[in-house]
């Protein structure tokens, strides 16, 4: 199943915990999102970010999604790896097997997102859902 849509960031709290080199830093960010499109629901993500300068970063994270795809409901966790080039964040998502609940109990899959500054972020996921 291929799903697409958008998400809006409703909360972003980011704190530095280490300085790296002359211009870099390490940060943690707690983010809350609202999803629309084929997946309707909300998400929470924790990022660890490494900035090589003030404008660019690489990040990893764990994303929790809770909501609906059509008449199916549940939650799942996505593992994230991505980059921010100063204008757009792009990342890949991989479903963490065994984390699905409800109708997403046996879900597997991969996808990602693109999030330009000041614009809606878009996502796409290819999922395998149990037919039962």
N, C-alpha and C. Protein backbone atom coordinates (compact mmCIF):
# COMPACT_ATOMS: atom_id res chain seq x y z
N UNK A 1 0.85 -1.17 0.00
CA UNK A 1 0.00 0.00 0.00
C UNK A 1 0.90 1.24 0.00
N UNK A 2 0.67 2.13 -0.93
CA UNK A 2 1.42 3.38 -1.01
C UNK A 2 0.55 4.50 -0.47
N UNK A 3 1.04 5.21 0.55
CA UNK A 3 0.28 6.33 1.12
C UNK A 3 1.11 7.61 1.03
N UNK A 4 0.40 8.73 0.86
CA UNK A 4 1.04 10.03 0.77
C UNK A 4 0.21 11.06 1.53
N UNK A 5 0.80 12.18 1.80
CA UNK A 5 0.09 13.27 2.45
C UNK A 5 1.05 14.33 2.94
N UNK A 6 0.57 15.10 3.90
CA UNK A 6 1.34 16.20 4.47
C UNK A 6 1.31 16.13 5.98
N UNK A 7 2.26 16.82 6.60
CA UNK A 7 2.17 17.02 8.04
C UNK A 7 2.58 18.44 8.38
N UNK A 8 2.00 18.91 9.46
CA UNK A 8 2.28 20.24 9.99
C UNK A 8 2.94 20.06 11.36
N UNK A 9 4.03 20.78 11.58
CA UNK A 9 4.68 20.75 12.89
C UNK A 9 3.92 21.70 13.80
N UNK A 10 3.43 21.17 14.93
CA UNK A 10 2.67 22.00 15.86
C UNK A 10 3.50 22.40 17.08
N UNK A 11 4.62 21.72 17.30
CA UNK A 11 5.51 22.06 18.41
C UNK A 11 6.92 21.59 18.08
N UNK A 12 7.91 22.43 18.35
CA UNK A 12 9.32 22.09 18.15
C UNK A 12 10.12 22.66 19.31
N UNK A 13 10.70 21.78 20.13
CA UNK A 13 11.55 22.20 21.24
C UNK A 13 12.92 21.59 21.03
N UNK A 14 13.92 22.44 20.79
CA UNK A 14 15.28 21.97 20.49
C UNK A 14 16.27 22.60 21.45
N UNK A 15 17.14 21.76 22.03
CA UNK A 15 18.15 22.23 22.98
C UNK A 15 19.51 21.66 22.61
N UNK A 16 20.53 22.51 22.64
CA UNK A 16 21.91 22.08 22.40
C UNK A 16 22.45 21.39 23.65
N UNK A 17 23.23 20.33 23.43
CA UNK A 17 23.86 19.67 24.56
C UNK A 17 25.38 19.54 24.41
N UNK A 18 25.94 19.90 23.24
CA UNK A 18 27.39 19.88 23.06
C UNK A 18 27.78 20.79 21.90
N UNK A 19 28.95 21.43 22.03
CA UNK A 19 29.54 22.21 20.95
C UNK A 19 30.47 21.29 20.18
N UNK A 20 30.51 21.45 18.84
CA UNK A 20 31.34 20.62 17.99
C UNK A 20 32.17 21.52 17.08
N UNK A 21 33.48 21.47 17.22
CA UNK A 21 34.34 22.30 16.38
C UNK A 21 34.09 23.78 16.61
N UNK A 22 34.40 24.58 15.60
CA UNK A 22 34.27 26.04 15.71
C UNK A 22 32.84 26.53 15.56
N UNK A 23 32.01 25.83 14.76
CA UNK A 23 30.68 26.34 14.46
C UNK A 23 29.56 25.32 14.62
N UNK A 24 29.88 24.11 15.00
CA UNK A 24 28.88 23.06 15.07
C UNK A 24 28.32 22.86 16.47
N UNK A 25 27.29 22.02 16.54
CA UNK A 25 26.68 21.69 17.82
C UNK A 25 25.89 20.40 17.69
N UNK A 26 25.60 19.79 18.82
CA UNK A 26 24.73 18.63 18.92
C UNK A 26 23.47 19.08 19.65
N UNK A 27 22.30 18.67 19.13
CA UNK A 27 21.04 19.06 19.76
C UNK A 27 20.09 17.88 19.87
N UNK A 28 19.12 18.04 20.76
CA UNK A 28 17.97 17.14 20.86
C UNK A 28 16.74 17.97 20.54
N UNK A 29 15.82 17.40 19.77
CA UNK A 29 14.59 18.12 19.45
C UNK A 29 13.40 17.19 19.70
N UNK A 30 12.40 17.72 20.41
CA UNK A 30 11.13 17.02 20.62
C UNK A 30 10.10 17.74 19.75
N UNK A 31 9.43 16.97 18.87
CA UNK A 31 8.57 17.57 17.86
C UNK A 31 7.20 16.87 17.87
N UNK A 32 6.14 17.68 17.73
CA UNK A 32 4.77 17.16 17.63
C UNK A 32 4.22 17.58 16.27
N UNK A 33 3.48 16.66 15.61
CA UNK A 33 2.98 16.92 14.27
C UNK A 33 1.53 16.48 14.13
N UNK A 34 0.83 17.12 13.17
CA UNK A 34 -0.50 16.70 12.73
C UNK A 34 -0.37 16.22 11.30
N UNK A 35 -0.87 15.00 11.01
CA UNK A 35 -0.78 14.39 9.70
C UNK A 35 -2.13 14.42 8.99
N UNK A 36 -2.08 14.65 7.66
CA UNK A 36 -3.27 14.59 6.82
C UNK A 36 -2.91 13.85 5.55
N UNK A 37 -3.94 13.48 4.81
CA UNK A 37 -3.73 12.72 3.59
C UNK A 37 -4.20 11.29 3.79
N UNK A 38 -3.46 10.34 3.23
CA UNK A 38 -3.85 8.93 3.38
C UNK A 38 -3.74 8.47 4.83
N UNK A 39 -2.80 9.02 5.59
CA UNK A 39 -2.71 8.77 7.03
C UNK A 39 -3.24 10.01 7.73
N UNK A 40 -4.24 9.83 8.57
CA UNK A 40 -4.83 10.93 9.36
C UNK A 40 -4.53 10.67 10.83
N UNK A 41 -3.80 11.58 11.47
CA UNK A 41 -3.50 11.38 12.88
C UNK A 41 -2.43 12.32 13.36
N UNK A 42 -1.78 11.90 14.43
CA UNK A 42 -0.75 12.74 15.01
C UNK A 42 0.54 11.96 15.17
N UNK A 43 1.61 12.70 15.37
CA UNK A 43 2.92 12.08 15.53
C UNK A 43 3.75 12.83 16.54
N UNK A 44 4.69 12.10 17.11
CA UNK A 44 5.69 12.67 18.01
C UNK A 44 7.02 12.07 17.61
N UNK A 45 8.04 12.91 17.57
CA UNK A 45 9.37 12.44 17.17
C UNK A 45 10.43 13.06 18.09
N UNK A 46 11.45 12.28 18.36
CA UNK A 46 12.63 12.74 19.08
C UNK A 46 13.80 12.65 18.11
N UNK A 47 14.43 13.81 17.85
CA UNK A 47 15.58 13.87 16.95
C UNK A 47 16.86 14.08 17.75
N UNK A 48 17.94 13.47 17.30
CA UNK A 48 19.30 13.85 17.68
C UNK A 48 19.91 14.45 16.43
N UNK A 49 20.43 15.69 16.56
CA UNK A 49 20.89 16.43 15.39
C UNK A 49 22.34 16.84 15.57
N UNK A 50 23.12 16.71 14.50
CA UNK A 50 24.52 17.15 14.48
C UNK A 50 24.66 18.23 13.42
N UNK A 51 24.87 19.47 13.88
CA UNK A 51 25.07 20.60 12.98
C UNK A 51 26.57 20.76 12.72
N UNK A 52 26.96 20.80 11.45
CA UNK A 52 28.36 21.05 11.12
C UNK A 52 28.65 22.55 11.07
N UNK A 53 27.61 23.33 10.91
CA UNK A 53 27.68 24.79 10.98
C UNK A 53 26.30 25.25 11.45
N UNK A 54 26.03 26.53 11.37
CA UNK A 54 24.75 27.04 11.89
C UNK A 54 23.55 26.70 11.02
N UNK A 55 23.78 26.25 9.77
CA UNK A 55 22.65 26.08 8.85
C UNK A 55 22.41 24.66 8.36
N UNK A 56 23.36 23.75 8.51
CA UNK A 56 23.19 22.40 7.96
C UNK A 56 23.35 21.35 9.05
N UNK A 57 22.63 20.24 8.89
CA UNK A 57 22.67 19.20 9.92
C UNK A 57 22.38 17.83 9.33
N UNK A 58 22.79 16.82 10.07
CA UNK A 58 22.38 15.44 9.85
C UNK A 58 21.62 15.03 11.10
N UNK A 59 20.59 14.18 10.95
CA UNK A 59 19.79 13.81 12.11
C UNK A 59 19.32 12.37 12.04
N UNK A 60 19.05 11.83 13.22
CA UNK A 60 18.43 10.52 13.37
C UNK A 60 17.30 10.69 14.36
N UNK A 61 16.36 9.74 14.37
CA UNK A 61 15.26 9.86 15.33
C UNK A 61 14.35 8.66 15.33
N UNK A 62 13.41 8.72 16.26
CA UNK A 62 12.34 7.74 16.40
C UNK A 62 11.02 8.49 16.34
N UNK A 63 10.15 8.09 15.43
CA UNK A 63 8.87 8.75 15.17
C UNK A 63 7.74 7.83 15.57
N UNK A 64 6.83 8.30 16.40
CA UNK A 64 5.63 7.55 16.77
C UNK A 64 4.45 8.17 16.04
N UNK A 65 3.69 7.34 15.32
CA UNK A 65 2.48 7.79 14.62
C UNK A 65 1.28 7.08 15.21
N UNK A 66 0.18 7.81 15.37
CA UNK A 66 -1.06 7.25 15.88
C UNK A 66 -2.21 7.82 15.06
N UNK A 67 -2.99 6.94 14.42
CA UNK A 67 -4.09 7.45 13.62
C UNK A 67 -4.71 6.39 12.74
N UNK A 68 -5.20 6.85 11.57
CA UNK A 68 -5.99 6.01 10.69
C UNK A 68 -5.48 6.05 9.26
N UNK A 69 -5.57 4.89 8.60
CA UNK A 69 -5.41 4.78 7.16
C UNK A 69 -6.71 4.13 6.69
N UNK A 70 -7.58 4.92 6.08
CA UNK A 70 -8.90 4.41 5.71
C UNK A 70 -9.65 3.95 6.95
N UNK A 71 -10.11 2.70 6.95
CA UNK A 71 -10.86 2.19 8.10
C UNK A 71 -9.97 1.45 9.09
N UNK A 72 -8.65 1.53 8.93
CA UNK A 72 -7.71 0.88 9.86
C UNK A 72 -7.17 1.92 10.84
N UNK A 73 -7.04 1.51 12.11
CA UNK A 73 -6.55 2.41 13.16
C UNK A 73 -5.45 1.73 13.95
N UNK A 74 -4.52 2.53 14.43
CA UNK A 74 -3.47 2.01 15.28
C UNK A 74 -2.30 2.97 15.35
N UNK A 75 -1.18 2.43 15.84
CA UNK A 75 0.04 3.23 15.93
C UNK A 75 1.22 2.39 15.46
N UNK A 76 2.32 3.07 15.17
CA UNK A 76 3.56 2.41 14.76
C UNK A 76 4.72 3.34 15.02
N UNK A 77 5.92 2.79 15.00
CA UNK A 77 7.14 3.57 15.20
C UNK A 77 7.98 3.49 13.94
N UNK A 78 8.54 4.65 13.55
CA UNK A 78 9.43 4.75 12.39
C UNK A 78 10.82 5.17 12.86
N UNK A 79 11.84 4.55 12.30
CA UNK A 79 13.21 4.98 12.52
C UNK A 79 13.56 5.97 11.42
N UNK A 80 14.27 7.05 11.77
CA UNK A 80 14.52 8.15 10.83
C UNK A 80 16.01 8.39 10.66
N UNK A 81 16.41 8.71 9.42
CA UNK A 81 17.76 9.18 9.13
C UNK A 81 17.64 10.25 8.06
N UNK A 82 18.24 11.43 8.31
CA UNK A 82 18.05 12.49 7.34
C UNK A 82 19.09 13.58 7.38
N UNK A 83 18.87 14.58 6.50
CA UNK A 83 19.76 15.73 6.36
C UNK A 83 18.93 17.00 6.28
N UNK A 84 19.56 18.11 6.68
CA UNK A 84 18.99 19.44 6.51
C UNK A 84 20.05 20.29 5.85
N UNK A 85 19.75 20.85 4.66
CA UNK A 85 20.74 21.61 3.89
C UNK A 85 20.64 23.12 4.09
N UNK A 86 19.89 23.55 5.09
CA UNK A 86 19.69 24.97 5.33
C UNK A 86 18.37 25.47 4.78
N UNK A 87 17.77 24.70 3.86
CA UNK A 87 16.49 25.07 3.27
C UNK A 87 15.45 23.97 3.37
N UNK A 88 15.88 22.71 3.26
CA UNK A 88 14.94 21.59 3.26
C UNK A 88 15.49 20.43 4.08
N UNK A 89 14.63 19.87 4.92
CA UNK A 89 14.96 18.63 5.61
C UNK A 89 14.40 17.47 4.79
N UNK A 90 15.22 16.45 4.57
CA UNK A 90 14.78 15.25 3.87
C UNK A 90 15.23 14.04 4.69
N UNK A 91 14.35 13.04 4.76
CA UNK A 91 14.68 11.88 5.57
C UNK A 91 14.04 10.63 5.03
N UNK A 92 14.62 9.50 5.42
CA UNK A 92 14.02 8.21 5.14
C UNK A 92 13.42 7.66 6.43
N UNK A 93 12.33 6.92 6.27
CA UNK A 93 11.64 6.26 7.38
C UNK A 93 11.68 4.76 7.14
N UNK A 94 11.89 4.01 8.21
CA UNK A 94 11.76 2.56 8.18
C UNK A 94 10.89 2.15 9.35
N UNK A 95 9.84 1.38 9.10
CA UNK A 95 8.98 0.91 10.19
C UNK A 95 9.81 0.00 11.10
N UNK A 96 9.74 0.26 12.40
CA UNK A 96 10.40 -0.60 13.39
C UNK A 96 9.47 -1.78 13.62
N UNK A 97 9.88 -2.95 13.11
CA UNK A 97 9.03 -4.14 13.19
C UNK A 97 8.70 -4.48 14.64
N UNK A 98 7.45 -4.89 14.85
CA UNK A 98 7.00 -5.27 16.17
C UNK A 98 6.45 -4.14 17.00
N UNK A 99 6.43 -2.90 16.46
CA UNK A 99 5.94 -1.75 17.23
C UNK A 99 4.51 -1.38 16.89
N UNK A 100 3.93 -2.00 15.89
CA UNK A 100 2.56 -1.66 15.48
C UNK A 100 1.53 -2.11 16.50
N UNK A 101 0.46 -1.31 16.61
CA UNK A 101 -0.66 -1.67 17.47
C UNK A 101 -1.94 -1.63 16.66
N UNK A 102 -3.00 -2.21 17.20
CA UNK A 102 -4.29 -2.20 16.53
C UNK A 102 -4.20 -2.83 15.15
N UNK A 103 -4.77 -2.17 14.15
CA UNK A 103 -4.75 -2.68 12.78
C UNK A 103 -3.38 -2.60 12.13
N UNK A 104 -2.40 -1.93 12.78
CA UNK A 104 -1.04 -1.82 12.25
C UNK A 104 -0.09 -2.80 12.94
N UNK A 105 -0.64 -3.76 13.64
CA UNK A 105 0.16 -4.69 14.46
C UNK A 105 1.29 -5.35 13.67
N UNK A 106 1.07 -5.80 12.47
CA UNK A 106 2.09 -6.52 11.70
C UNK A 106 2.64 -5.70 10.53
N UNK A 107 2.56 -4.38 10.61
CA UNK A 107 2.99 -3.53 9.51
C UNK A 107 4.51 -3.55 9.34
N UNK A 108 4.94 -3.49 8.07
CA UNK A 108 6.34 -3.28 7.71
C UNK A 108 6.35 -2.24 6.60
N UNK A 109 7.49 -1.62 6.37
CA UNK A 109 7.56 -0.69 5.26
C UNK A 109 8.62 0.37 5.40
N UNK A 110 8.69 1.20 4.36
CA UNK A 110 9.68 2.27 4.28
C UNK A 110 9.08 3.47 3.56
N UNK A 111 9.69 4.61 3.76
CA UNK A 111 9.25 5.82 3.08
C UNK A 111 10.13 6.98 3.47
N UNK A 112 9.51 8.15 3.53
CA UNK A 112 10.27 9.33 3.92
C UNK A 112 9.47 10.60 3.82
N UNK A 113 10.17 11.71 4.06
CA UNK A 113 9.52 13.01 3.98
C UNK A 113 10.47 14.05 3.44
N UNK A 114 9.87 15.16 2.97
CA UNK A 114 10.59 16.35 2.55
C UNK A 114 9.90 17.53 3.20
N UNK A 115 10.69 18.37 3.89
CA UNK A 115 10.11 19.48 4.66
C UNK A 115 10.86 20.78 4.37
N UNK A 116 10.41 21.53 3.36
CA UNK A 116 11.00 22.85 3.10
C UNK A 116 10.65 23.83 4.22
N UNK A 117 11.56 24.73 4.52
CA UNK A 117 11.27 25.75 5.53
C UNK A 117 10.06 26.57 5.12
N UNK A 118 9.16 26.82 6.06
CA UNK A 118 8.02 27.67 5.82
C UNK A 118 6.92 27.07 4.97
N UNK A 119 7.01 25.79 4.66
CA UNK A 119 5.98 25.15 3.84
C UNK A 119 5.54 23.86 4.51
N UNK A 120 4.41 23.32 4.04
CA UNK A 120 3.96 22.02 4.53
C UNK A 120 4.97 20.96 4.14
N UNK A 121 5.18 20.03 5.04
CA UNK A 121 6.04 18.89 4.76
C UNK A 121 5.20 17.82 4.07
N UNK A 122 5.81 17.08 3.15
CA UNK A 122 5.10 16.00 2.48
C UNK A 122 5.76 14.67 2.84
N UNK A 123 4.94 13.62 2.90
CA UNK A 123 5.45 12.30 3.22
C UNK A 123 4.93 11.28 2.22
N UNK A 124 5.63 10.16 2.13
CA UNK A 124 5.21 9.00 1.35
C UNK A 124 5.71 7.76 2.08
N UNK A 125 4.85 6.75 2.16
CA UNK A 125 5.21 5.48 2.81
C UNK A 125 4.68 4.33 1.96
N UNK A 126 5.50 3.30 1.81
CA UNK A 126 5.08 2.04 1.21
C UNK A 126 4.97 1.05 2.35
N UNK A 127 3.75 0.60 2.63
CA UNK A 127 3.48 -0.26 3.77
C UNK A 127 2.92 -1.60 3.34
N UNK A 128 3.25 -2.61 4.12
CA UNK A 128 2.66 -3.92 3.97
C UNK A 128 1.83 -4.17 5.23
N UNK A 129 0.51 -4.23 5.05
CA UNK A 129 -0.41 -4.44 6.18
C UNK A 129 -1.04 -5.82 6.05
N UNK A 130 -1.17 -6.49 7.18
CA UNK A 130 -1.84 -7.80 7.20
C UNK A 130 -3.26 -7.62 6.67
N UNK A 131 -3.70 -8.48 5.82
CA UNK A 131 -5.03 -8.37 5.20
C UNK A 131 -6.16 -8.64 6.16
N UNK A 132 -5.88 -9.20 7.33
CA UNK A 132 -6.97 -9.53 8.26
C UNK A 132 -7.49 -8.33 9.00
